[in-house]
């Protein structure tokens, strides 16, 4: 349908995926994972989130602002020489789907946290 309006569209360079996977970082299973260990937790796991030199990213009421600011917050916290970063996992609902995807790609489950972190 697009070609009916604009003419022939060459797409081979857009569709090329090299032998090592996705051609865009956003298509990788892990996307912007900070150097500082980053773990996600469910609300009922909050008592397990401990550490004197750790930071917690709580969920705001607004999913879109969280989506826009997550990577910037992770980068800033990554520069603070923290022991760990903890991010509350967004709910599995349509309005939070993009935010949830970003958190799942940038963090690991709290169950994978080494003891003492």
Foldseek 3Di string as FASTA:
>chain_A
DVCVPVNDDDCPVVPDADPVGDPDQVVDLAHAAAPAAEAEDEPVCVVVDDDPFEEEAEDDPQLVVCLVCVNVVRVVSSVVPGNYYYYYADDPDPRNVSVNSNSSNHHHHPVPDDPPD
